[in-house]
Amino acid sequence: MKYRYAACMFLAAFILQTTLTNVISVFGATPNLLLCLVVIFSFLYDENSYGVVLGVAFGLMYDICFSEYVGIASMAFLVISLAIMLVNIVMNKESALSVIIVAVASTVLYSLIYWCIMAMLGSSYSFLYAMRGLPLYVLYNTAIVIVLYYAMIKKVIRHHYDRYYK
């Protein structure tokens, strides 16, 4: 995949996340499409670092447009994509269980990083208030990452589950 196609996917996710995802919210929880793309690109395309570069760029753009402080989402995306690339050494790209574990862990890590940085900057939100919707966020993001995984795995690994593939 080329950077321009990945950038178009991130741009579409940015536009959808900021406009239409509020329509499909369940109990006030909406999916973080940018986080889902950072997870899937860092997991599947670790050698090209699409998740790092585009995650930081669109995280900055998201913070500039919608956040009180600039750089929190991009820093969280950077940490998450680097952690996924590090863990990806021991995980199997062809296993759906691996991507589920990564999606759940990255959603929790994103929420923790975001709350920690906001607490250091003087936010008055308590930890329990910040984590109140975490189970719904985990379900939403994991479902979207699984859909993206099955849509993109055939392009990454040409001979899926082939015993002669090395």
Protein backbone atom coordinates (compact mmCIF):
# COMPACT_ATOMS: atom_id res chain seq x y z
CA MET A 1 0.00 0.00 0.00
CA LYS A 2 1.21 3.47 -0.77
CA TYR A 3 1.19 6.45 1.56
CA ARG A 4 -1.40 8.30 -0.51
CA TYR A 5 -3.93 5.47 -0.15
CA ALA A 6 -3.27 5.22 3.56
CA ALA A 7 -3.55 9.01 3.88
CA CYS A 8 -6.89 8.92 2.05
CA MET A 9 -8.13 6.27 4.49
CA PHE A 10 -7.01 8.39 7.45
CA LEU A 11 -8.65 11.48 5.96
CA ALA A 12 -11.91 9.60 5.42
CA ALA A 13 -11.74 8.29 9.00
CA PHE A 14 -11.06 11.81 10.30
CA ILE A 15 -14.06 13.21 8.44
CA LEU A 16 -16.34 10.33 9.49
CA GLN A 17 -15.19 10.49 13.10
CA THR A 18 -15.81 14.19 13.40
CA THR A 19 -19.15 14.26 11.60
CA LEU A 20 -21.10 11.00 11.35
CA THR A 21 -20.02 8.82 14.28
CA ASN A 22 -22.18 10.78 16.70
CA VAL A 23 -25.20 9.40 14.83
CA ILE A 24 -24.25 5.80 15.68
CA SER A 25 -23.34 6.39 19.31
CA VAL A 26 -24.56 3.85 21.86
CA PHE A 27 -24.94 5.21 25.40
CA GLY A 28 -22.73 8.14 24.40
CA ALA A 29 -19.85 5.98 23.17
CA THR A 30 -18.55 6.38 19.64
CA PRO A 31 -15.74 4.52 17.89
CA ASN A 32 -12.33 6.14 17.51
CA LEU A 33 -11.73 5.52 13.82
CA LEU A 34 -8.30 7.13 13.85
CA LEU A 35 -7.20 4.80 16.64
CA CYS A 36 -8.55 1.83 14.72
CA LEU A 37 -6.54 2.80 11.64
CA VAL A 38 -3.41 3.37 13.70
CA VAL A 39 -3.84 -0.10 15.19
CA ILE A 40 -4.46 -1.89 11.91
CA PHE A 41 -1.72 -0.09 9.96
CA SER A 42 0.81 -0.57 12.75
CA PHE A 43 -0.15 -4.24 13.03
CA LEU A 44 -0.21 -5.14 9.34
CA TYR A 45 2.24 -2.67 7.78
CA ASP A 46 4.92 -2.47 10.48
CA GLU A 47 7.81 -2.21 8.02
CA ASN A 48 6.45 0.97 6.36
CA SER A 49 5.38 2.78 9.55
CA TYR A 50 2.12 4.13 8.14
CA GLY A 51 0.56 4.02 11.59
CA VAL A 52 3.28 6.13 13.17
CA VAL A 53 3.50 8.88 10.56
CA LEU A 54 -0.16 9.23 9.71
CA GLY A 55 -1.30 8.63 13.29
CA VAL A 56 0.84 11.50 14.57
CA ALA A 57 -0.22 13.80 11.70
CA PHE A 58 -3.94 13.15 12.02
CA GLY A 59 -3.71 13.11 15.82
CA LEU A 60 -2.29 16.64 15.66
CA MET A 61 -5.00 17.68 13.24
CA TYR A 62 -7.67 16.20 15.52
CA ASP A 63 -6.23 18.00 18.55
CA ILE A 64 -5.98 21.30 16.72
CA CYS A 65 -9.61 21.09 15.65
CA PHE A 66 -11.32 19.57 18.68
CA SER A 67 -9.17 19.34 21.79
CA GLU A 68 -8.29 21.68 24.58
CA TYR A 69 -4.58 20.85 24.33
CA VAL A 70 -2.60 20.12 21.18
CA GLY A 71 -0.53 16.96 20.93
CA ILE A 72 -2.19 14.53 23.33
CA ALA A 73 -3.84 12.31 20.73
CA SER A 74 -0.78 12.35 18.49
CA MET A 75 1.46 11.39 21.41
CA ALA A 76 -0.92 8.58 22.35
CA PHE A 77 -1.02 7.37 18.73
CA LEU A 78 2.78 7.44 18.60
CA VAL A 79 3.15 5.37 21.77
CA ILE A 80 0.48 2.90 20.67
CA SER A 81 1.88 2.38 17.20
CA LEU A 82 5.41 1.91 18.51
CA ALA A 83 4.15 -0.55 21.13
CA ILE A 84 2.25 -2.50 18.47
CA MET A 85 5.32 -2.62 16.25
CA LEU A 86 7.35 -3.91 19.20
CA VAL A 87 4.78 -6.55 20.15
CA ASN A 88 4.27 -7.47 16.50
CA ILE A 89 7.62 -9.28 16.57
CA VAL A 90 6.11 -12.13 18.59
CA MET A 91 2.52 -12.03 17.29
CA ASN A 92 1.14 -13.75 14.23
CA LYS A 93 -0.37 -11.43 11.62
CA GLU A 94 -2.58 -14.21 10.30
CA SER A 95 -4.34 -14.82 13.62
CA ALA A 96 -7.54 -12.93 14.37
CA LEU A 97 -6.94 -13.49 18.08
CA SER A 98 -3.73 -11.47 17.83
CA VAL A 99 -5.51 -8.51 16.31
CA ILE A 100 -8.28 -8.70 18.94
CA ILE A 101 -5.71 -8.63 21.74
CA VAL A 102 -3.93 -5.70 20.13
CA ALA A 103 -7.19 -3.80 19.59
CA VAL A 104 -8.35 -4.23 23.18
CA ALA A 105 -4.95 -3.35 24.64
CA SER A 106 -4.54 -0.30 22.41
CA THR A 107 -7.97 1.09 23.30
CA VAL A 108 -7.25 0.73 27.01
CA LEU A 109 -3.76 2.19 26.56
CA TYR A 110 -5.12 5.13 24.58
CA SER A 111 -7.61 5.94 27.32
CA LEU A 112 -4.94 5.67 30.01
CA ILE A 113 -2.44 7.82 28.14
CA TYR A 114 -5.05 10.44 27.36
CA TRP A 115 -6.22 10.60 30.98
CA CYS A 116 -2.65 10.69 32.38
CA ILE A 117 -1.59 13.56 30.15
CA MET A 118 -4.78 15.48 30.85
CA ALA A 119 -4.28 14.94 34.61
CA MET A 120 -0.72 16.24 34.37
CA LEU A 121 -1.99 19.32 32.56
CA GLY A 122 -4.47 20.05 35.35
CA SER A 123 -7.71 18.49 34.18
CA SER A 124 -10.31 17.97 36.88
CA TYR A 125 -11.65 14.67 35.49
CA SER A 126 -11.31 11.75 37.86
CA PHE A 127 -9.97 8.41 36.73
CA LEU A 128 -13.34 6.68 37.11
CA TYR A 129 -15.11 9.39 35.15
CA ALA A 130 -12.59 9.12 32.33
CA MET A 131 -12.92 5.31 32.19
CA ARG A 132 -16.70 5.12 32.52
CA GLY A 133 -17.34 4.23 28.89
CA LEU A 134 -14.25 2.11 28.35
CA PRO A 135 -16.06 -1.24 27.88
CA LEU A 136 -18.19 0.23 25.08
CA TYR A 137 -15.16 1.89 23.49
CA VAL A 138 -13.32 -1.42 23.59
CA LEU A 139 -16.22 -3.24 21.92
CA TYR A 140 -16.68 -0.58 19.26
CA ASN A 141 -13.00 -0.25 18.40
CA THR A 142 -12.39 -3.99 18.43
CA ALA A 143 -15.31 -4.59 16.06
CA ILE A 144 -14.05 -1.96 13.63
CA VAL A 145 -10.46 -3.26 13.81
CA ILE A 146 -11.68 -6.79 13.05
CA VAL A 147 -13.64 -5.56 10.03
CA LEU A 148 -10.59 -3.62 8.80
CA TYR A 149 -8.37 -6.62 9.46
CA TYR A 150 -10.45 -8.97 7.33
CA ALA A 151 -10.72 -6.34 4.60
CA MET A 152 -6.97 -5.72 4.46
CA ILE A 153 -5.30 -9.04 5.35
CA LYS A 154 -5.56 -10.41 1.81
CA LYS A 155 -3.53 -7.52 0.46
CA VAL A 156 -0.83 -7.86 3.10
CA ILE A 157 -0.39 -11.62 3.11
CA ARG A 158 -0.85 -12.98 -0.38
CA HIS A 159 -1.08 -16.68 0.43
CA HIS A 160 -3.13 -16.68 3.59
CA TYR A 161 -2.70 -19.95 5.54
CA ASP A 162 -0.64 -21.54 2.77
CA ARG A 163 1.75 -24.17 4.12
CA TYR A 164 4.36 -23.26 1.51
CA TYR A 165 4.31 -19.55 2.32
CA LYS A 166 7.40 -18.34 4.19
